[in-house]
Amino acid sequence: MRKRTVRKGLRLLAAAVMLLLLGTFYSQQLNSLFALPVDGVMEFVRLALFWGGILGGGAIVIISVGLVQRSRGDENIRLFPAVILVLIMTALFFILFYRSLTSPPEQPLRPGETLII
């Protein structure tokens, strides 16, 4: 196992999860920060999901290659911080996902209003 390659793959996986977090849960905050138009927000969400998927898939390939290859003397590389980073990012994603399902809507509908999707 090449620890350096696995560590790079884990960091890339953490970046992919961060893009997914930004695209799914924080798109409105980024809209107000960068003053994007409505079309720009939707494009950001699409690009964040696309590149998060591309980076995540690439990270899985890199991690797999690093696990299969023989070690060449990089025993002093620590994988624990990268693994913890990926676990924290994944846990944060699931916590935000759960809260988005269980939290009440920000603006409740008034009587007679309909929800337009």
PDB file of N, CA and C in Angstrom:
ATOM      1  N   MET A   1       0.850  -1.180   0.000  1.00  0.00           N
ATOM      2  CA  MET A   1       0.000   0.000   0.000  1.00  0.00           C
ATOM      3  C   MET A   1       0.895   1.243   0.000  1.00  0.00           C
ATOM      4  N   ARG A   2       0.605   2.127  -0.922  1.00  0.00           N
ATOM      5  CA  ARG A   2       1.316   3.412  -0.942  1.00  0.00           C
ATOM      6  C   ARG A   2       0.494   4.425  -0.175  1.00  0.00           C
ATOM      7  N   LYS A   3       0.974   4.756   0.998  1.00  0.00           N
ATOM      8  CA  LYS A   3       0.212   5.634   1.887  1.00  0.00           C
ATOM      9  C   LYS A   3       0.071   7.040   1.325  1.00  0.00           C
ATOM     10  N   ARG A   4       1.078   7.501   0.625  1.00  0.00           N
ATOM     11  CA  ARG A   4       1.017   8.856   0.077  1.00  0.00           C
ATOM     12  C   ARG A   4      -0.092   8.964  -0.971  1.00  0.00           C
ATOM     13  N   THR A   5      -0.222   7.954  -1.805  1.00  0.00           N
ATOM     14  CA  THR A   5      -1.274   7.948  -2.825  1.00  0.00           C
ATOM     15  C   THR A   5      -2.651   7.845  -2.183  1.00  0.00           C
ATOM     16  N   VAL A   6      -2.768   6.988  -1.164  1.00  0.00           N
ATOM     17  CA  VAL A   6      -4.043   6.852  -0.463  1.00  0.00           C
ATOM     18  C   VAL A   6      -4.411   8.157   0.228  1.00  0.00           C
ATOM     19  N   ARG A   7      -3.430   8.822   0.831  1.00  0.00           N
ATOM     20  CA  ARG A   7      -3.700  10.102   1.499  1.00  0.00           C
ATOM     21  C   ARG A   7      -4.170  11.162   0.509  1.00  0.00           C
ATOM     22  N   LYS A   8      -3.556  11.208  -0.664  1.00  0.00           N
ATOM     23  CA  LYS A   8      -3.990  12.161  -1.687  1.00  0.00           C
ATOM     24  C   LYS A   8      -5.410  11.858  -2.149  1.00  0.00           C
ATOM     25  N   GLY A   9      -5.726  10.583  -2.290  1.00  0.00           N
ATOM     26  CA  GLY A   9      -7.079  10.191  -2.671  1.00  0.00           C
ATOM     27  C   GLY A   9      -8.103  10.549  -1.607  1.00  0.00           C
ATOM     28  N   LEU A  10      -7.733  10.376  -0.338  1.00  0.00           N
ATOM     29  CA  LEU A  10      -8.641  10.737   0.748  1.00  0.00           C
ATOM     30  C   LEU A  10      -8.876  12.244   0.801  1.00  0.00           C
ATOM     31  N   ARG A  11      -7.842  13.000   0.549  1.00  0.00           N
ATOM     32  CA  ARG A  11      -8.010  14.461   0.511  1.00  0.00           C
ATOM     33  C   ARG A  11      -8.893  14.886  -0.663  1.00  0.00           C
ATOM     34  N   LEU A  12      -8.739  14.222  -1.785  1.00  0.00           N
ATOM     35  CA  LEU A  12      -9.580  14.511  -2.939  1.00  0.00           C
ATOM     36  C   LEU A  12     -11.031  14.136  -2.654  1.00  0.00           C
ATOM     37  N   LEU A  13     -11.230  13.047  -1.930  1.00  0.00           N
ATOM     38  CA  LEU A  13     -12.582  12.639  -1.543  1.00  0.00           C
ATOM     39  C   LEU A  13     -13.201  13.660  -0.585  1.00  0.00           C
ATOM     40  N   ALA A  14     -12.410  14.201   0.333  1.00  0.00           N
ATOM     41  CA  ALA A  14     -12.910  15.244   1.233  1.00  0.00           C
ATOM     42  C   ALA A  14     -13.284  16.502   0.449  1.00  0.00           C
ATOM     43  N   ALA A  15     -12.508  16.836  -0.573  1.00  0.00           N
ATOM     44  CA  ALA A  15     -12.844  17.992  -1.419  1.00  0.00           C
ATOM     45  C   ALA A  15     -14.141  17.750  -2.181  1.00  0.00           C
ATOM     46  N   ALA A  16     -14.353  16.521  -2.625  1.00  0.00           N
ATOM     47  CA  ALA A  16     -15.593  16.196  -3.341  1.00  0.00           C
ATOM     48  C   ALA A  16     -16.793  16.331  -2.417  1.00  0.00           C
ATOM     49  N   VAL A  17     -16.667  15.856  -1.191  1.00  0.00           N
ATOM     50  CA  VAL A  17     -17.775  15.972  -0.243  1.00  0.00           C
ATOM     51  C   VAL A  17     -18.017  17.444   0.098  1.00  0.00           C
ATOM     52  N   MET A  18     -16.954  18.241   0.184  1.00  0.00           N
ATOM     53  CA  MET A  18     -17.113  19.676   0.445  1.00  0.00           C
ATOM     54  C   MET A  18     -17.867  20.358  -0.692  1.00  0.00           C
ATOM     55  N   LEU A  19     -17.567  19.999  -1.925  1.00  0.00           N
ATOM     56  CA  LEU A  19     -18.314  20.554  -3.058  1.00  0.00           C
ATOM     57  C   LEU A  19     -19.783  20.164  -3.005  1.00  0.00           C
ATOM     58  N   LEU A  20     -20.047  18.920  -2.637  1.00  0.00           N
ATOM     59  CA  LEU A  20     -21.439  18.488  -2.502  1.00  0.00           C
ATOM     60  C   LEU A  20     -22.153  19.255  -1.397  1.00  0.00           C
ATOM     61  N   LEU A  21     -21.460  19.502  -0.289  1.00  0.00           N
ATOM     62  CA  LEU A  21     -22.049  20.285   0.804  1.00  0.00           C
ATOM     63  C   LEU A  21     -22.365  21.705   0.350  1.00  0.00           C
ATOM     64  N   LEU A  22     -21.416  22.323  -0.333  1.00  0.00           N
ATOM     65  CA  LEU A  22     -21.629  23.698  -0.792  1.00  0.00           C
ATOM     66  C   LEU A  22     -22.760  23.774  -1.812  1.00  0.00           C
ATOM     67  N   GLY A  23     -22.820  22.803  -2.699  1.00  0.00           N
ATOM     68  CA  GLY A  23     -23.836  22.826  -3.737  1.00  0.00           C
ATOM     69  C   GLY A  23     -25.232  22.524  -3.233  1.00  0.00           C
ATOM     70  N   THR A  24     -25.351  21.640  -2.246  1.00  0.00           N
ATOM     71  CA  THR A  24     -26.682  21.228  -1.820  1.00  0.00           C
ATOM     72  C   THR A  24     -27.230  22.067  -0.678  1.00  0.00           C
ATOM     73  N   PHE A  25     -26.409  22.408   0.289  1.00  0.00           N
ATOM     74  CA  PHE A  25     -26.920  23.055   1.494  1.00  0.00           C
ATOM     75  C   PHE A  25     -26.597  24.539   1.605  1.00  0.00           C
ATOM     76  N   TYR A  26     -25.552  25.007   0.963  1.00  0.00           N
ATOM     77  CA  TYR A  26     -25.137  26.394   1.134  1.00  0.00           C
ATOM     78  C   TYR A  26     -25.201  27.211  -0.154  1.00  0.00           C
ATOM     79  N   SER A  27     -26.033  26.809  -1.103  1.00  0.00           N
ATOM     80  CA  SER A  27     -26.109  27.555  -2.353  1.00  0.00           C
ATOM     81  C   SER A  27     -26.735  28.936  -2.148  1.00  0.00           C
ATOM     82  N   GLN A  28     -27.714  29.054  -1.252  1.00  0.00           N
ATOM     83  CA  GLN A  28     -28.333  30.364  -0.996  1.00  0.00           C
ATOM     84  C   GLN A  28     -27.344  31.317  -0.323  1.00  0.00           C
ATOM     85  N   GLN A  29     -26.533  30.817   0.608  1.00  0.00           N
ATOM     86  CA  GLN A  29     -25.549  31.668   1.263  1.00  0.00           C
ATOM     87  C   GLN A  29     -24.481  32.125   0.274  1.00  0.00           C
ATOM     88  N   LEU A  30     -24.072  31.245  -0.621  1.00  0.00           N
ATOM     89  CA  LEU A  30     -23.102  31.646  -1.637  1.00  0.00           C
ATOM     90  C   LEU A  30     -23.712  32.627  -2.622  1.00  0.00           C
ATOM     91  N   ASN A  31     -25.010  32.503  -2.878  1.00  0.00           N
ATOM     92  CA  ASN A  31     -25.702  33.457  -3.736  1.00  0.00           C
ATOM     93  C   ASN A  31     -25.652  34.847  -3.124  1.00  0.00           C
ATOM     94  N   SER A  32     -25.926  34.945  -1.837  1.00  0.00           N
ATOM     95  CA  SER A  32     -25.896  36.269  -1.204  1.00  0.00           C
ATOM     96  C   SER A  32     -24.467  36.794  -1.068  1.00  0.00           C
ATOM     97  N   LEU A  33     -23.491  35.910  -0.937  1.00  0.00           N
ATOM     98  CA  LEU A  33     -22.100  36.335  -0.808  1.00  0.00           C
ATOM     99  C   LEU A  33     -21.546  36.873  -2.124  1.00  0.00           C
ATOM    100  N   PHE A  34     -21.828  36.170  -3.226  1.00  0.00           N
ATOM    101  CA  PHE A  34     -21.283  36.558  -4.522  1.00  0.00           C
ATOM    102  C   PHE A  34     -22.282  37.304  -5.401  1.00  0.00           C
ATOM    103  N   ALA A  35     -23.509  37.508  -4.942  1.00  0.00           N
ATOM    104  CA  ALA A  35     -24.561  38.200  -5.679  1.00  0.00           C
ATOM    105  C   ALA A  35     -24.756  37.604  -7.072  1.00  0.00           C
ATOM    106  N   LEU A  36     -24.979  36.302  -7.101  1.00  0.00           N
ATOM    107  CA  LEU A  36     -25.206  35.603  -8.361  1.00  0.00           C
ATOM    108  C   LEU A  36     -26.646  35.767  -8.802  1.00  0.00           C
ATOM    109  N   PRO A  37     -26.897  35.801 -10.100  1.00  0.00           N
ATOM    110  CA  PRO A  37     -28.294  35.803 -10.561  1.00  0.00           C
ATOM    111  C   PRO A  37     -28.910  34.418 -10.333  1.00  0.00           C
ATOM    112  N   VAL A  38     -30.210  34.307 -10.521  1.00  0.00           N
ATOM    113  CA  VAL A  38     -30.912  33.045 -10.276  1.00  0.00           C
ATOM    114  C   VAL A  38     -30.353  31.935 -11.164  1.00  0.00           C
ATOM    115  N   ASP A  39     -30.085  32.247 -12.420  1.00  0.00           N
ATOM    116  CA  ASP A  39     -29.506  31.247 -13.314  1.00  0.00           C
ATOM    117  C   ASP A  39     -28.108  30.847 -12.858  1.00  0.00           C
ATOM    118  N   GLY A  40     -27.378  31.797 -12.287  1.00  0.00           N
ATOM    119  CA  GLY A  40     -26.036  31.509 -11.791  1.00  0.00           C
ATOM    120  C   GLY A  40     -26.045  30.573 -10.601  1.00  0.00           C
ATOM    121  N   VAL A  41     -27.049  30.688  -9.745  1.00  0.00           N
ATOM    122  CA  VAL A  41     -27.163  29.803  -8.598  1.00  0.00           C
ATOM    123  C   VAL A  41     -27.431  28.377  -9.058  1.00  0.00           C
ATOM    124  N   MET A  42     -28.345  28.224 -10.002  1.00  0.00           N
ATOM    125  CA  MET A  42     -28.646  26.883 -10.510  1.00  0.00           C
ATOM    126  C   MET A  42     -27.432  26.285 -11.220  1.00  0.00           C
ATOM    127  N   GLU A  43     -26.711  27.117 -11.948  1.00  0.00           N
ATOM    128  CA  GLU A  43     -25.506  26.635 -12.619  1.00  0.00           C
ATOM    129  C   GLU A  43     -24.442  26.232 -11.601  1.00  0.00           C
ATOM    130  N   PHE A  44     -24.316  26.993 -10.510  1.00  0.00           N
ATOM    131  CA  PHE A  44     -23.369  26.627  -9.461  1.00  0.00           C
ATOM    132  C   PHE A  44     -23.732  25.287  -8.837  1.00  0.00           C
ATOM    133  N   VAL A  45     -25.008  25.078  -8.569  1.00  0.00           N
ATOM    134  CA  VAL A  45     -25.443  23.802  -7.979  1.00  0.00           C
ATOM    135  C   VAL A  45     -25.140  22.657  -8.936  1.00  0.00           C
ATOM    136  N   ARG A  46     -25.440  22.833 -10.209  1.00  0.00           N
ATOM    137  CA  ARG A  46     -25.148  21.785 -11.196  1.00  0.00           C
ATOM    138  C   ARG A  46     -23.657  21.485 -11.278  1.00  0.00           C
ATOM    139  N   LEU A  47     -22.839  22.549 -11.338  1.00  0.00           N
ATOM    140  CA  LEU A  47     -21.398  22.349 -11.434  1.00  0.00           C
ATOM    141  C   LEU A  47     -20.820  21.739 -10.161  1.00  0.00           C
ATOM    142  N   ALA A  48     -21.341  22.147  -9.003  1.00  0.00           N
ATOM    143  CA  ALA A  48     -20.849  21.576  -7.750  1.00  0.00           C
ATOM    144  C   ALA A  48     -21.172  20.093  -7.665  1.00  0.00           C
ATOM    145  N   LEU A  49     -22.375  19.705  -8.065  1.00  0.00           N
ATOM    146  CA  LEU A  49     -22.727  18.291  -8.050  1.00  0.00           C
ATOM    147  C   LEU A  49     -21.921  17.506  -9.093  1.00  0.00           C
ATOM    148  N   PHE A  50     -21.742  18.084 -10.273  1.00  0.00           N
ATOM    149  CA  PHE A  50     -20.976  17.405 -11.315  1.00  0.00           C
ATOM    150  C   PHE A  50     -19.524  17.204 -10.890  1.00  0.00           C
ATOM    151  N   TRP A  51     -18.866  18.299 -10.473  1.00  0.00           N
ATOM    152  CA  TRP A  51     -17.456  18.188 -10.112  1.00  0.00           C
ATOM    153  C   TRP A  51     -17.256  17.418  -8.812  1.00  0.00           C
ATOM    154  N   GLY A  52     -18.227  17.466  -7.912  1.00  0.00           N
ATOM    155  CA  GLY A  52     -18.152  16.625  -6.720  1.00  0.00           C
ATOM    156  C   GLY A  52     -18.180  15.150  -7.086  1.00  0.00           C
ATOM    157  N   GLY A  53     -19.026  14.795  -8.050  1.00  0.00           N
ATOM    158  CA  GLY A  53     -19.068  13.410  -8.518  1.00  0.00           C
ATOM    159  C   GLY A  53     -17.800  12.996  -9.242  1.00  0.00           C
ATOM    160  N   ILE A  54     -17.285  13.887 -10.096  1.00  0.00           N
ATOM    161  CA  ILE A  54     -16.049  13.591 -10.823  1.00  0.00           C
ATOM    162  C   ILE A  54     -14.885  13.429  -9.853  1.00  0.00           C
ATOM    163  N   LEU A  55     -14.740  14.359  -8.900  1.00  0.00           N
ATOM    164  CA  LEU A  55     -13.651  14.274  -7.934  1.00  0.00           C
ATOM    165  C   LEU A  55     -13.799  13.053  -7.031  1.00  0.00           C
ATOM    166  N   GLY A  56     -15.027  12.744  -6.636  1.00  0.00           N
ATOM    167  CA  GLY A  56     -15.257  11.567  -5.795  1.00  0.00           C
ATOM    168  C   GLY A  56     -14.917  10.281  -6.523  1.00  0.00           C
ATOM    169  N   GLY A  57     -15.331  10.175  -7.775  1.00  0.00           N
ATOM    170  CA  GLY A  57     -14.983   8.990  -8.563  1.00  0.00           C
ATOM    171  C   GLY A  57     -13.487   8.863  -8.780  1.00  0.00           C
ATOM    172  N   GLY A  58     -12.850   9.977  -9.085  1.00  0.00           N
ATOM    173  CA  GLY A  58     -11.392   9.967  -9.242  1.00  0.00           C
ATOM    174  C   GLY A  58     -10.681   9.617  -7.947  1.00  0.00           C
ATOM    175  N   ALA A  59     -11.222  10.102  -6.834  1.00  0.00           N
ATOM    176  CA  ALA A  59     -10.620   9.786  -5.539  1.00  0.00           C
ATOM    177  C   ALA A  59     -10.714   8.303  -5.226  1.00  0.00           C
ATOM    178  N   ILE A  60     -11.834   7.686  -5.559  1.00  0.00           N
ATOM    179  CA  ILE A  60     -11.983   6.252  -5.323  1.00  0.00           C
ATOM    180  C   ILE A  60     -10.974   5.470  -6.164  1.00  0.00           C
ATOM    181  N   VAL A  61     -10.768   5.891  -7.403  1.00  0.00           N
ATOM    182  CA  VAL A  61      -9.782   5.221  -8.261  1.00  0.00           C
ATOM    183  C   VAL A  61      -8.378   5.396  -7.691  1.00  0.00           C
ATOM    184  N   ILE A  62      -8.039   6.606  -7.257  1.00  0.00           N
ATOM    185  CA  ILE A  62      -6.714   6.866  -6.701  1.00  0.00           C
ATOM    186  C   ILE A  62      -6.493   6.071  -5.420  1.00  0.00           C
ATOM    187  N   ILE A  63      -7.496   6.018  -4.557  1.00  0.00           N
ATOM    188  CA  ILE A  63      -7.369   5.242  -3.322  1.00  0.00           C
ATOM    189  C   ILE A  63      -7.191   3.758  -3.648  1.00  0.00           C
ATOM    190  N   SER A  64      -7.947   3.261  -4.612  1.00  0.00           N
ATOM    191  CA  SER A  64      -7.830   1.848  -4.992  1.00  0.00           C
ATOM    192  C   SER A  64      -6.443   1.531  -5.540  1.00  0.00           C
ATOM    193  N   VAL A  65      -5.928   2.398  -6.390  1.00  0.00           N
ATOM    194  CA  VAL A  65      -4.583   2.196  -6.936  1.00  0.00           C
ATOM    195  C   VAL A  65      -3.549   2.251  -5.820  1.00  0.00           C
ATOM    196  N   GLY A  66      -3.704   3.171  -4.900  1.00  0.00           N
ATOM    197  CA  GLY A  66      -2.762   3.266  -3.788  1.00  0.00           C
ATOM    198  C   GLY A  66      -2.799   2.060  -2.870  1.00  0.00           C
ATOM    199  N   LEU A  67      -3.975   1.462  -2.707  1.00  0.00           N
ATOM    200  CA  LEU A  67      -4.081   0.267  -1.865  1.00  0.00           C
ATOM    201  C   LEU A  67      -3.493  -0.963  -2.544  1.00  0.00           C
ATOM    202  N   VAL A  68      -3.568  -1.018  -3.875  1.00  0.00           N
ATOM    203  CA  VAL A  68      -3.097  -2.196  -4.602  1.00  0.00           C
ATOM    204  C   VAL A  68      -1.587  -2.185  -4.799  1.00  0.00           C
ATOM    205  N   GLN A  69      -1.001  -1.014  -5.014  1.00  0.00           N
ATOM    206  CA  GLN A  69       0.428  -0.931  -5.308  1.00  0.00           C
ATOM    207  C   GLN A  69       1.273  -1.289  -4.095  1.00  0.00           C
ATOM    208  N   ARG A  70       2.489  -1.688  -4.389  1.00  0.00           N
ATOM    209  CA  ARG A  70       3.433  -2.021  -3.325  1.00  0.00           C
ATOM    210  C   ARG A  70       3.979  -0.752  -2.689  1.00  0.00           C
ATOM    211  N   SER A  71       4.345  -0.892  -1.420  1.00  0.00           N
ATOM    212  CA  SER A  71       4.923   0.235  -0.692  1.00  0.00           C
ATOM    213  C   SER A  71       6.363   0.440  -1.141  1.00  0.00           C
ATOM    214  N   ARG A  72       6.783   1.681  -1.133  1.00  0.00           N
ATOM    215  CA  ARG A  72       8.170   1.959  -1.491  1.00  0.00           C
ATOM    216  C   ARG A  72       8.847   2.798  -0.411  1.00  0.00           C
ATOM    217  N   GLY A  73       8.575   2.474   0.820  1.00  0.00           N
ATOM    218  CA  GLY A  73       9.287   3.111   1.918  1.00  0.00           C
ATOM    219  C   GLY A  73       8.657   4.380   2.444  1.00  0.00           C
ATOM    220  N   ASP A  74       7.354   4.564   2.316  1.00  0.00           N
ATOM    221  CA  ASP A  74       6.732   5.763   2.878  1.00  0.00           C
ATOM    222  C   ASP A  74       5.919   5.404   4.122  1.00  0.00           C
ATOM    223  N   GLU A  75       6.564   4.706   5.062  1.00  0.00           N
ATOM    224  CA  GLU A  75       5.884   4.294   6.285  1.00  0.00           C
ATOM    225  C   GLU A  75       5.644   5.458   7.243  1.00  0.00           C
ATOM    226  N   ASN A  76       6.359   6.561   7.073  1.00  0.00           N
ATOM    227  CA  ASN A  76       6.189   7.688   7.990  1.00  0.00           C
ATOM    228  C   ASN A  76       5.015   8.583   7.622  1.00  0.00           C
ATOM    229  N   ILE A  77       4.267   8.228   6.599  1.00  0.00           N
ATOM    230  CA  ILE A  77       3.081   8.990   6.195  1.00  0.00           C
ATOM    231  C   ILE A  77       1.923   8.588   7.097  1.00  0.00           C
ATOM    232  N   ARG A  78       1.212   9.585   7.642  1.00  0.00           N
ATOM    233  CA  ARG A  78       0.090   9.311   8.536  1.00  0.00           C
ATOM    234  C   ARG A  78      -1.219   9.453   7.770  1.00  0.00           C
ATOM    235  N   LEU A  79      -2.023   8.400   7.800  1.00  0.00           N
ATOM    236  CA  LEU A  79      -3.318   8.406   7.124  1.00  0.00           C
ATOM    237  C   LEU A  79      -4.450   8.831   8.045  1.00  0.00           C
ATOM    238  N   PHE A  80      -4.227   8.780   9.342  1.00  0.00           N
ATOM    239  CA  PHE A  80      -5.292   9.041  10.300  1.00  0.00           C
ATOM    240  C   PHE A  80      -5.935  10.421  10.128  1.00  0.00           C
ATOM    241  N   PRO A  81      -5.183  11.513   9.974  1.00  0.00           N
ATOM    242  CA  PRO A  81      -5.858  12.819   9.787  1.00  0.00           C
ATOM    243  C   PRO A  81      -6.719  12.887   8.534  1.00  0.00           C
ATOM    244  N   ALA A  82      -6.278  12.277   7.445  1.00  0.00           N
ATOM    245  CA  ALA A  82      -7.071  12.301   6.214  1.00  0.00           C
ATOM    246  C   ALA A  82      -8.342  11.471   6.366  1.00  0.00           C
ATOM    247  N   VAL A  83      -8.251  10.336   7.050  1.00  0.00           N
ATOM    248  CA  VAL A  83      -9.431   9.502   7.282  1.00  0.00           C
ATOM    249  C   VAL A  83     -10.419  10.241   8.178  1.00  0.00           C
ATOM    250  N   ILE A  84      -9.925  10.888   9.222  1.00  0.00           N
ATOM    251  CA  ILE A  84     -10.786  11.654  10.131  1.00  0.00           C
ATOM    252  C   ILE A  84     -11.462  12.798   9.373  1.00  0.00           C
ATOM    253  N   LEU A  85     -10.730  13.468   8.488  1.00  0.00           N
ATOM    254  CA  LEU A  85     -11.303  14.555   7.698  1.00  0.00           C
ATOM    255  C   LEU A  85     -12.459  14.054   6.828  1.00  0.00           C
ATOM    256  N   VAL A  86     -12.272  12.925   6.170  1.00  0.00           N
ATOM    257  CA  VAL A  86     -13.334  12.367   5.330  1.00  0.00           C
ATOM    258  C   VAL A  86     -14.527  11.950   6.190  1.00  0.00           C
ATOM    259  N   LEU A  87     -14.283  11.347   7.340  1.00  0.00           N
ATOM    260  CA  LEU A  87     -15.382  10.939   8.218  1.00  0.00           C
ATOM    261  C   LEU A  87     -16.158  12.137   8.757  1.00  0.00           C
ATOM    262  N   ILE A  88     -15.457  13.204   9.114  1.00  0.00           N
ATOM    263  CA  ILE A  88     -16.124  14.419   9.610  1.00  0.00           C
ATOM    264  C   ILE A  88     -16.961  15.051   8.509  1.00  0.00           C
ATOM    265  N   MET A  89     -16.409  15.133   7.290  1.00  0.00           N
ATOM    266  CA  MET A  89     -17.155  15.730   6.183  1.00  0.00           C
ATOM    267  C   MET A  89     -18.397  14.904   5.856  1.00  0.00           C
ATOM    268  N   THR A  90     -18.258  13.587   5.885  1.00  0.00           N
ATOM    269  CA  THR A  90     -19.404  12.718   5.600  1.00  0.00           C
ATOM    270  C   THR A  90     -20.455  12.826   6.698  1.00  0.00           C
ATOM    271  N   ALA A  91     -20.022  12.863   7.950  1.00  0.00           N
ATOM    272  CA  ALA A  91     -20.963  13.018   9.063  1.00  0.00           C
ATOM    273  C   ALA A  91     -21.679  14.362   8.982  1.00  0.00           C
ATOM    274  N   LEU A  92     -20.952  15.419   8.631  1.00  0.00           N
ATOM    275  CA  LEU A  92     -21.566  16.735   8.480  1.00  0.00           C
ATOM    276  C   LEU A  92     -22.616  16.720   7.371  1.00  0.00           C
ATOM    277  N   PHE A  93     -22.335  16.030   6.279  1.00  0.00           N
ATOM    278  CA  PHE A  93     -23.303  15.923   5.196  1.00  0.00           C
ATOM    279  C   PHE A  93     -24.581  15.249   5.694  1.00  0.00           C
ATOM    280  N   PHE A  94     -24.455  14.137   6.398  1.00  0.00           N
ATOM    281  CA  PHE A  94     -25.645  13.421   6.851  1.00  0.00           C
ATOM    282  C   PHE A  94     -26.397  14.187   7.939  1.00  0.00           C
ATOM    283  N   ILE A  95     -25.684  14.920   8.782  1.00  0.00           N
ATOM    284  CA  ILE A  95     -26.354  15.747   9.792  1.00  0.00           C
ATOM    285  C   ILE A  95     -27.170  16.848   9.112  1.00  0.00           C
ATOM    286  N   LEU A  96     -26.573  17.523   8.139  1.00  0.00           N
ATOM    287  CA  LEU A  96     -27.298  18.574   7.423  1.00  0.00           C
ATOM    288  C   LEU A  96     -28.463  18.000   6.625  1.00  0.00           C
ATOM    289  N   PHE A  97     -28.288  16.818   6.062  1.00  0.00           N
ATOM    290  CA  PHE A  97     -29.374  16.178   5.330  1.00  0.00           C
ATOM    291  C   PHE A  97     -30.534  15.848   6.268  1.00  0.00           C
ATOM    292  N   TYR A  98     -30.224  15.306   7.426  1.00  0.00           N
ATOM    293  CA  TYR A  98     -31.277  14.976   8.395  1.00  0.00           C
ATOM    294  C   TYR A  98     -32.000  16.238   8.871  1.00  0.00           C
ATOM    295  N   ARG A  99     -31.238  17.299   9.146  1.00  0.00           N
ATOM    296  CA  ARG A  99     -31.854  18.546   9.600  1.00  0.00           C
ATOM    297  C   ARG A  99     -32.710  19.183   8.515  1.00  0.00           C
ATOM    298  N   SER A 100     -32.323  19.016   7.252  1.00  0.00           N
ATOM    299  CA  SER A 100     -33.143  19.584   6.185  1.00  0.00           C
ATOM    300  C   SER A 100     -34.470  18.845   6.053  1.00  0.00           C
ATOM    301  N   LEU A 101     -34.492  17.578   6.401  1.00  0.00           N
ATOM    302  CA  LEU A 101     -35.743  16.821   6.344  1.00  0.00           C
ATOM    303  C   LEU A 101     -36.651  17.092   7.536  1.00  0.00           C
ATOM    304  N   THR A 102     -36.070  17.337   8.710  1.00  0.00           N
ATOM    305  CA  THR A 102     -36.870  17.473   9.922  1.00  0.00           C
ATOM    306  C   THR A 102     -37.153  18.905  10.328  1.00  0.00           C
ATOM    307  N   SER A 103     -36.463  19.877   9.765  1.00  0.00           N
ATOM    308  CA  SER A 103     -36.703  21.261  10.176  1.00  0.00           C
ATOM    309  C   SER A 103     -37.967  21.794   9.507  1.00  0.00           C
ATOM    310  N   PRO A 104     -38.675  22.689  10.202  1.00  0.00           N
ATOM    311  CA  PRO A 104     -39.873  23.273   9.589  1.00  0.00           C
ATOM    312  C   PRO A 104     -39.474  24.214   8.454  1.00  0.00           C
ATOM    313  N   PRO A 105     -40.366  24.468   7.511  1.00  0.00           N
ATOM    314  CA  PRO A 105     -40.034  25.374   6.413  1.00  0.00           C
ATOM    315  C   PRO A 105     -39.787  26.785   6.939  1.00  0.00           C
ATOM    316  N   GLU A 106     -38.927  27.518   6.222  1.00  0.00           N
ATOM    317  CA  GLU A 106     -38.564  28.863   6.662  1.00  0.00           C
ATOM    318  C   GLU A 106     -39.746  29.819   6.599  1.00  0.00           C
ATOM    319  N   GLN A 107     -40.532  29.746   5.558  1.00  0.00           N
ATOM    320  CA  GLN A 107     -41.700  30.597   5.414  1.00  0.00           C
ATOM    321  C   GLN A 107     -42.924  29.700   5.264  1.00  0.00           C
ATOM    322  N   PRO A 108     -43.681  29.519   6.328  1.00  0.00           N
ATOM    323  CA  PRO A 108     -44.859  28.651   6.200  1.00  0.00           C
ATOM    324  C   PRO A 108     -45.886  29.283   5.255  1.00  0.00           C
ATOM    325  N   LEU A 109     -46.629  28.440   4.599  1.00  0.00           N
ATOM    326  CA  LEU A 109     -47.644  28.923   3.669  1.00  0.00           C
ATOM    327  C   LEU A 109     -48.833  29.505   4.427  1.00  0.00           C
ATOM    328  N   ARG A 110     -49.346  30.596   3.905  1.00  0.00           N
ATOM    329  CA  ARG A 110     -50.556  31.192   4.464  1.00  0.00           C
ATOM    330  C   ARG A 110     -51.768  30.430   3.947  1.00  0.00           C
ATOM    331  N   PRO A 111     -52.895  30.540   4.623  1.00  0.00           N
ATOM    332  CA  PRO A 111     -54.091  29.847   4.124  1.00  0.00           C
ATOM    333  C   PRO A 111     -54.453  30.310   2.716  1.00  0.00           C
ATOM    334  N   GLY A 112     -54.673  29.370   1.835  1.00  0.00           N
ATOM    335  CA  GLY A 112     -55.023  29.678   0.461  1.00  0.00           C
ATOM    336  C   GLY A 112     -53.835  29.716  -0.490  1.00  0.00           C
ATOM    337  N   GLU A 113     -52.597  29.720   0.017  1.00  0.00           N
ATOM    338  CA  GLU A 113     -51.428  29.723  -0.850  1.00  0.00           C
ATOM    339  C   GLU A 113     -51.106  28.288  -1.284  1.00  0.00           C
ATOM    340  N   THR A 114     -50.500  28.180  -2.435  1.00  0.00           N
ATOM    341  CA  THR A 114     -50.066  26.881  -2.923  1.00  0.00           C
ATOM    342  C   THR A 114     -48.568  26.880  -3.083  1.00  0.00           C
ATOM    343  N   LEU A 115     -47.986  25.709  -3.077  1.00  0.00           N
ATOM    344  CA  LEU A 115     -46.563  25.541  -3.261  1.00  0.00           C
ATOM    345  C   LEU A 115     -46.297  25.326  -4.732  1.00  0.00           C
ATOM    346  N   ILE A 116     -45.490  26.184  -5.320  1.00  0.00           N
ATOM    347  CA  ILE A 116     -45.160  26.088  -6.734  1.00  0.00           C
ATOM    348  C   ILE A 116     -43.729  25.583  -6.844  1.00  0.00           C
ATOM    349  N   ILE A 117     -43.590  24.475  -7.525  1.00  0.00           N
ATOM    350  CA  ILE A 117     -42.257  23.870  -7.683  1.00  0.00           C
ATOM    351  C   ILE A 117     -41.774  24.125  -9.096  1.00  0.00           C
TER     352      ILE A 117
END
